[in-house]
């Protein structure tokens, strides 16, 4: 099954004490060709700096970037926290934006398309975090979330993305009290 046709994701919970458990994750947005989005002038460092200096497709704020080349020549860019306008509109301030603990962009040539889960007006702490690209159904914003840490292409043609499960009993997100609580692997085909 090709990357372009499907984003069936299975997350494998890996813990030395608990063993391995596979969990189906609800589909968010397929890795379709970038038909709309934001295009850069090129792919040089200067071009990408200019692109990421402003709003990229729906995203007005992103951090913790990881980029994974795909077999068909596209690149899957993974981010930790993301602020976005779900309809492709402009974001006046991050306070007005929707929020996800992890998100992605698919780069097709010089064009980039946002990928995240379903958004709602309540995408802030302490509400559920379904807007996250991976693990949205298991996310509670600012209390329990998944951050991408790295990725590698498997021999089976699936992209294996390592996610840190992060928790914060204080419910204050990535501040005092936040700590990793496990490692998950998302397999993206």
C-alpha atoms as a PDB file:
ATOM      1  CA  UNK A   1       0.000   0.000   0.000  1.00  0.00           C
ATOM      2  CA  UNK A   2       1.542   3.359  -0.998  1.00  0.00           C
ATOM      3  CA  UNK A   3       1.948   6.445   1.132  1.00  0.00           C
ATOM      4  CA  UNK A   4      -0.236   8.410  -1.276  1.00  0.00           C
ATOM      5  CA  UNK A   5      -3.171   5.999  -0.939  1.00  0.00           C
ATOM      6  CA  UNK A   6      -3.352   5.501   2.791  1.00  0.00           C
ATOM      7  CA  UNK A   7      -2.403   6.729   6.194  1.00  0.00           C
ATOM      8  CA  UNK A   8      -3.497   3.696   8.141  1.00  0.00           C
ATOM      9  CA  UNK A   9      -1.527   4.133  11.293  1.00  0.00           C
ATOM     10  CA  UNK A  10      -0.895   1.603  13.978  1.00  0.00           C
ATOM     11  CA  UNK A  11       0.824   2.767  17.109  1.00  0.00           C
ATOM     12  CA  UNK A  12       2.837   0.226  18.992  1.00  0.00           C
ATOM     13  CA  UNK A  13       3.308   0.929  22.667  1.00  0.00           C
ATOM     14  CA  UNK A  14       6.760  -0.173  23.691  1.00  0.00           C
ATOM     15  CA  UNK A  15       7.713  -0.459  27.346  1.00  0.00           C
ATOM     16  CA  UNK A  16      10.329  -2.726  28.850  1.00  0.00           C
ATOM     17  CA  UNK A  17       8.053  -3.616  31.743  1.00  0.00           C
ATOM     18  CA  UNK A  18       4.725  -3.915  29.919  1.00  0.00           C
ATOM     19  CA  UNK A  19       5.730  -5.587  26.666  1.00  0.00           C
ATOM     20  CA  UNK A  20       4.207  -4.510  23.360  1.00  0.00           C
ATOM     21  CA  UNK A  21       0.593  -3.527  22.637  1.00  0.00           C
ATOM     22  CA  UNK A  22      -0.756  -2.469  19.232  1.00  0.00           C
ATOM     23  CA  UNK A  23      -3.464   0.193  19.147  1.00  0.00           C
ATOM     24  CA  UNK A  24      -5.375   1.382  16.072  1.00  0.00           C
ATOM     25  CA  UNK A  25      -5.309   5.146  15.739  1.00  0.00           C
ATOM     26  CA  UNK A  26      -8.137   7.060  14.077  1.00  0.00           C
ATOM     27  CA  UNK A  27      -7.166   8.416  10.660  1.00  0.00           C
ATOM     28  CA  UNK A  28      -6.620  12.129  10.583  1.00  0.00           C
ATOM     29  CA  UNK A  29      -5.783  13.364   7.092  1.00  0.00           C
ATOM     30  CA  UNK A  30      -4.363  11.298   4.214  1.00  0.00           C
ATOM     31  CA  UNK A  31      -0.865  11.942   2.885  1.00  0.00           C
ATOM     32  CA  UNK A  32      -2.311  13.253  -0.378  1.00  0.00           C
ATOM     33  CA  UNK A  33      -0.348  15.206  -2.946  1.00  0.00           C
ATOM     34  CA  UNK A  34       0.045  18.866  -2.025  1.00  0.00           C
ATOM     35  CA  UNK A  35      -2.703  20.317  -4.232  1.00  0.00           C
ATOM     36  CA  UNK A  36      -3.237  23.354  -2.034  1.00  0.00           C
ATOM     37  CA  UNK A  37      -1.086  24.801   0.669  1.00  0.00           C
ATOM     38  CA  UNK A  38       1.946  27.024   0.672  1.00  0.00           C
ATOM     39  CA  UNK A  39       4.725  26.896  -1.899  1.00  0.00           C
ATOM     40  CA  UNK A  40       8.283  28.143  -1.438  1.00  0.00           C
ATOM     41  CA  UNK A  41      10.468  29.710  -4.123  1.00  0.00           C
ATOM     42  CA  UNK A  42      12.853  26.748  -3.802  1.00  0.00           C
ATOM     43  CA  UNK A  43      14.327  24.367  -1.251  1.00  0.00           C
ATOM     44  CA  UNK A  44      17.533  26.179  -0.310  1.00  0.00           C
ATOM     45  CA  UNK A  45      18.134  27.104   3.319  1.00  0.00           C
ATOM     46  CA  UNK A  46      17.248  30.725   2.525  1.00  0.00           C
ATOM     47  CA  UNK A  47      14.006  29.688   0.765  1.00  0.00           C
ATOM     48  CA  UNK A  48      12.927  27.441   3.654  1.00  0.00           C
ATOM     49  CA  UNK A  49      13.848  30.093   6.248  1.00  0.00           C
ATOM     50  CA  UNK A  50      11.671  32.577   4.375  1.00  0.00           C
ATOM     51  CA  UNK A  51       8.810  30.054   4.147  1.00  0.00           C
ATOM     52  CA  UNK A  52       8.883  29.061   7.819  1.00  0.00           C
ATOM     53  CA  UNK A  53       9.218  32.709   8.879  1.00  0.00           C
ATOM     54  CA  UNK A  54       5.505  33.136   8.140  1.00  0.00           C
ATOM     55  CA  UNK A  55       2.336  31.076   8.080  1.00  0.00           C
ATOM     56  CA  UNK A  56       2.802  27.754   6.263  1.00  0.00           C
ATOM     57  CA  UNK A  57      -0.536  26.524   4.883  1.00  0.00           C
ATOM     58  CA  UNK A  58      -2.744  26.424   8.018  1.00  0.00           C
ATOM     59  CA  UNK A  59       0.124  26.640  10.535  1.00  0.00           C
ATOM     60  CA  UNK A  60       1.057  29.906  12.213  1.00  0.00           C
ATOM     61  CA  UNK A  61       3.360  28.401  14.834  1.00  0.00           C
ATOM     62  CA  UNK A  62       5.354  25.152  14.915  1.00  0.00           C
ATOM     63  CA  UNK A  63       8.210  23.729  16.978  1.00  0.00           C
ATOM     64  CA  UNK A  64      10.339  20.611  17.383  1.00  0.00           C
ATOM     65  CA  UNK A  65      10.790  19.861  13.663  1.00  0.00           C
ATOM     66  CA  UNK A  66      11.789  16.456  12.272  1.00  0.00           C
ATOM     67  CA  UNK A  67      11.883  15.785   8.507  1.00  0.00           C
ATOM     68  CA  UNK A  68      11.573  12.270   7.044  1.00  0.00           C
ATOM     69  CA  UNK A  69      12.180  11.581   3.327  1.00  0.00           C
ATOM     70  CA  UNK A  70       9.526   9.325   1.759  1.00  0.00           C
ATOM     71  CA  UNK A  71      10.218   6.721  -0.968  1.00  0.00           C
ATOM     72  CA  UNK A  72       8.263   8.692  -3.599  1.00  0.00           C
ATOM     73  CA  UNK A  73      10.442  11.806  -3.184  1.00  0.00           C
ATOM     74  CA  UNK A  74       8.130  13.736  -0.877  1.00  0.00           C
ATOM     75  CA  UNK A  75       9.127  14.684   2.670  1.00  0.00           C
ATOM     76  CA  UNK A  76       7.012  14.293   5.806  1.00  0.00           C
ATOM     77  CA  UNK A  77       7.786  17.132   8.221  1.00  0.00           C
ATOM     78  CA  UNK A  78       6.766  16.317  11.817  1.00  0.00           C
ATOM     79  CA  UNK A  79       6.310  18.918  14.543  1.00  0.00           C
ATOM     80  CA  UNK A  80       5.737  18.898  18.257  1.00  0.00           C
ATOM     81  CA  UNK A  81       3.313  21.712  19.122  1.00  0.00           C
ATOM     82  CA  UNK A  82       1.352  23.450  16.359  1.00  0.00           C
ATOM     83  CA  UNK A  83      -0.990  26.442  16.196  1.00  0.00           C
ATOM     84  CA  UNK A  84      -3.247  26.530  13.142  1.00  0.00           C
ATOM     85  CA  UNK A  85      -6.306  27.905  11.361  1.00  0.00           C
ATOM     86  CA  UNK A  86      -8.241  24.794  10.248  1.00  0.00           C
ATOM     87  CA  UNK A  87      -9.754  26.297   7.100  1.00  0.00           C
ATOM     88  CA  UNK A  88      -6.508  27.573   5.609  1.00  0.00           C
ATOM     89  CA  UNK A  89      -7.351  31.099   6.769  1.00  0.00           C
ATOM     90  CA  UNK A  90      -4.865  33.560   8.179  1.00  0.00           C
ATOM     91  CA  UNK A  91      -4.025  33.568  11.888  1.00  0.00           C
ATOM     92  CA  UNK A  92      -3.991  37.016  13.505  1.00  0.00           C
ATOM     93  CA  UNK A  93      -2.470  35.723  16.763  1.00  0.00           C
ATOM     94  CA  UNK A  94      -1.606  32.366  18.307  1.00  0.00           C
ATOM     95  CA  UNK A  95      -4.282  33.062  20.931  1.00  0.00           C
ATOM     96  CA  UNK A  96      -6.909  32.826  18.172  1.00  0.00           C
ATOM     97  CA  UNK A  97      -5.500  29.626  16.667  1.00  0.00           C
ATOM     98  CA  UNK A  98      -6.395  25.972  17.161  1.00  0.00           C
ATOM     99  CA  UNK A  99      -3.774  23.804  18.890  1.00  0.00           C
ATOM    100  CA  UNK A 100      -2.318  20.316  18.440  1.00  0.00           C
ATOM    101  CA  UNK A 101       0.492  18.629  20.389  1.00  0.00           C
ATOM    102  CA  UNK A 102       1.815  17.074  17.165  1.00  0.00           C
ATOM    103  CA  UNK A 103       1.223  17.868  13.520  1.00  0.00           C
ATOM    104  CA  UNK A 104       2.739  17.341  10.082  1.00  0.00           C
ATOM    105  CA  UNK A 105       3.384  18.907   6.709  1.00  0.00           C
ATOM    106  CA  UNK A 106       3.798  16.951   3.485  1.00  0.00           C
ATOM    107  CA  UNK A 107       6.325  18.550   1.153  1.00  0.00           C
ATOM    108  CA  UNK A 108       5.754  17.795  -2.527  1.00  0.00           C
ATOM    109  CA  UNK A 109       8.444  19.609  -4.525  1.00  0.00           C
ATOM    110  CA  UNK A 110       8.376  23.165  -3.191  1.00  0.00           C
ATOM    111  CA  UNK A 111       4.773  22.984  -1.877  1.00  0.00           C
ATOM    112  CA  UNK A 112       3.674  22.124   1.663  1.00  0.00           C
ATOM    113  CA  UNK A 113       0.286  20.848   2.890  1.00  0.00           C
ATOM    114  CA  UNK A 114      -0.824  20.736   6.548  1.00  0.00           C
ATOM    115  CA  UNK A 115      -1.928  17.457   8.137  1.00  0.00           C
ATOM    116  CA  UNK A 116      -3.574  17.198  11.544  1.00  0.00           C
ATOM    117  CA  UNK A 117      -6.581  15.591  13.171  1.00  0.00           C
ATOM    118  CA  UNK A 118     -10.086  17.083  13.337  1.00  0.00           C
ATOM    119  CA  UNK A 119     -10.149  20.542  14.939  1.00  0.00           C
ATOM    120  CA  UNK A 120     -12.727  22.114  17.213  1.00  0.00           C
ATOM    121  CA  UNK A 121     -13.105  25.393  19.072  1.00  0.00           C
ATOM    122  CA  UNK A 122     -12.078  23.669  22.326  1.00  0.00           C
ATOM    123  CA  UNK A 123      -8.591  22.606  21.185  1.00  0.00           C
ATOM    124  CA  UNK A 124      -6.962  24.088  24.289  1.00  0.00           C
ATOM    125  CA  UNK A 125      -6.089  22.934  27.807  1.00  0.00           C
ATOM    126  CA  UNK A 126      -7.533  20.855  29.464  1.00  0.00           C
ATOM    127  CA  UNK A 127      -9.724  19.540  26.635  1.00  0.00           C
ATOM    128  CA  UNK A 128      -9.143  16.430  24.502  1.00  0.00           C
ATOM    129  CA  UNK A 129      -6.485  16.839  21.823  1.00  0.00           C
ATOM    130  CA  UNK A 130      -8.017  15.168  18.789  1.00  0.00           C
ATOM    131  CA  UNK A 131      -6.401  17.768  16.511  1.00  0.00           C
ATOM    132  CA  UNK A 132      -3.055  15.986  16.966  1.00  0.00           C
ATOM    133  CA  UNK A 133      -1.856  14.102  13.868  1.00  0.00           C
ATOM    134  CA  UNK A 134      -0.935  10.946  15.829  1.00  0.00           C
ATOM    135  CA  UNK A 135      -2.592   9.717  19.016  1.00  0.00           C
ATOM    136  CA  UNK A 136      -5.324  12.353  19.073  1.00  0.00           C
ATOM    137  CA  UNK A 137      -7.874  10.027  20.670  1.00  0.00           C
ATOM    138  CA  UNK A 138      -5.414   9.303  23.513  1.00  0.00           C
ATOM    139  CA  UNK A 139      -4.373  12.945  23.988  1.00  0.00           C
ATOM    140  CA  UNK A 140      -5.602  15.298  26.714  1.00  0.00           C
ATOM    141  CA  UNK A 141      -4.116  18.718  25.972  1.00  0.00           C
ATOM    142  CA  UNK A 142      -1.495  19.819  28.505  1.00  0.00           C
ATOM    143  CA  UNK A 143      -1.840  16.563  30.514  1.00  0.00           C
ATOM    144  CA  UNK A 144      -0.968  13.676  28.140  1.00  0.00           C
ATOM    145  CA  UNK A 145       0.366  14.005  24.595  1.00  0.00           C
ATOM    146  CA  UNK A 146       2.736  12.589  21.969  1.00  0.00           C
ATOM    147  CA  UNK A 147       5.801  14.341  20.553  1.00  0.00           C
ATOM    148  CA  UNK A 148       7.688  13.015  17.497  1.00  0.00           C
ATOM    149  CA  UNK A 149      11.332  12.299  18.273  1.00  0.00           C
ATOM    150  CA  UNK A 150      12.703  10.738  15.088  1.00  0.00           C
ATOM    151  CA  UNK A 151      11.818   8.587  12.088  1.00  0.00           C
ATOM    152  CA  UNK A 152      13.295   5.916   9.843  1.00  0.00           C
ATOM    153  CA  UNK A 153      12.048   4.053   6.790  1.00  0.00           C
ATOM    154  CA  UNK A 154      11.561   0.340   7.471  1.00  0.00           C
ATOM    155  CA  UNK A 155      12.494  -2.478   5.096  1.00  0.00           C
ATOM    156  CA  UNK A 156       8.734  -3.026   4.645  1.00  0.00           C
ATOM    157  CA  UNK A 157       8.358   0.453   3.102  1.00  0.00           C
ATOM    158  CA  UNK A 158       6.579   1.899   6.131  1.00  0.00           C
ATOM    159  CA  UNK A 159       7.839   4.986   7.908  1.00  0.00           C
ATOM    160  CA  UNK A 160       8.469   4.257  11.593  1.00  0.00           C
ATOM    161  CA  UNK A 161       8.106   7.388  13.728  1.00  0.00           C
ATOM    162  CA  UNK A 162       9.206   7.329  17.357  1.00  0.00           C
ATOM    163  CA  UNK A 163       6.968   9.370  19.655  1.00  0.00           C
ATOM    164  CA  UNK A 164       7.570  10.265  23.290  1.00  0.00           C
ATOM    165  CA  UNK A 165       4.437   9.943  25.405  1.00  0.00           C
ATOM    166  CA  UNK A 166       4.665  13.010  27.655  1.00  0.00           C
ATOM    167  CA  UNK A 167       2.631  13.596  30.774  1.00  0.00           C
ATOM    168  CA  UNK A 168       2.139  16.493  33.163  1.00  0.00           C
ATOM    169  CA  UNK A 169       0.084  15.929  36.320  1.00  0.00           C
ATOM    170  CA  UNK A 170      -0.005  19.728  36.820  1.00  0.00           C
ATOM    171  CA  UNK A 171      -1.867  20.066  33.466  1.00  0.00           C
ATOM    172  CA  UNK A 172       0.376  22.930  32.421  1.00  0.00           C
ATOM    173  CA  UNK A 173       1.731  21.430  29.205  1.00  0.00           C
ATOM    174  CA  UNK A 174       5.435  21.636  28.430  1.00  0.00           C
ATOM    175  CA  UNK A 175       6.411  23.380  31.654  1.00  0.00           C
ATOM    176  CA  UNK A 176       7.094  22.392  35.267  1.00  0.00           C
ATOM    177  CA  UNK A 177       6.021  18.805  35.833  1.00  0.00           C
ATOM    178  CA  UNK A 178       6.220  17.623  32.210  1.00  0.00           C
ATOM    179  CA  UNK A 179       8.122  14.363  31.777  1.00  0.00           C
ATOM    180  CA  UNK A 180       8.346  11.538  29.238  1.00  0.00           C
ATOM    181  CA  UNK A 181       6.306   8.500  30.224  1.00  0.00           C
ATOM    182  CA  UNK A 182       6.980   6.049  27.400  1.00  0.00           C
ATOM    183  CA  UNK A 183       7.976   5.546  23.784  1.00  0.00           C
ATOM    184  CA  UNK A 184       5.461   4.777  21.029  1.00  0.00           C
ATOM    185  CA  UNK A 185       6.130   3.869  17.421  1.00  0.00           C
ATOM    186  CA  UNK A 186       3.739   5.065  14.723  1.00  0.00           C
ATOM    187  CA  UNK A 187       3.963   3.080  11.482  1.00  0.00           C
ATOM    188  CA  UNK A 188       2.882   5.163   8.498  1.00  0.00           C
ATOM    189  CA  UNK A 189       2.444   3.379   5.170  1.00  0.00           C
END
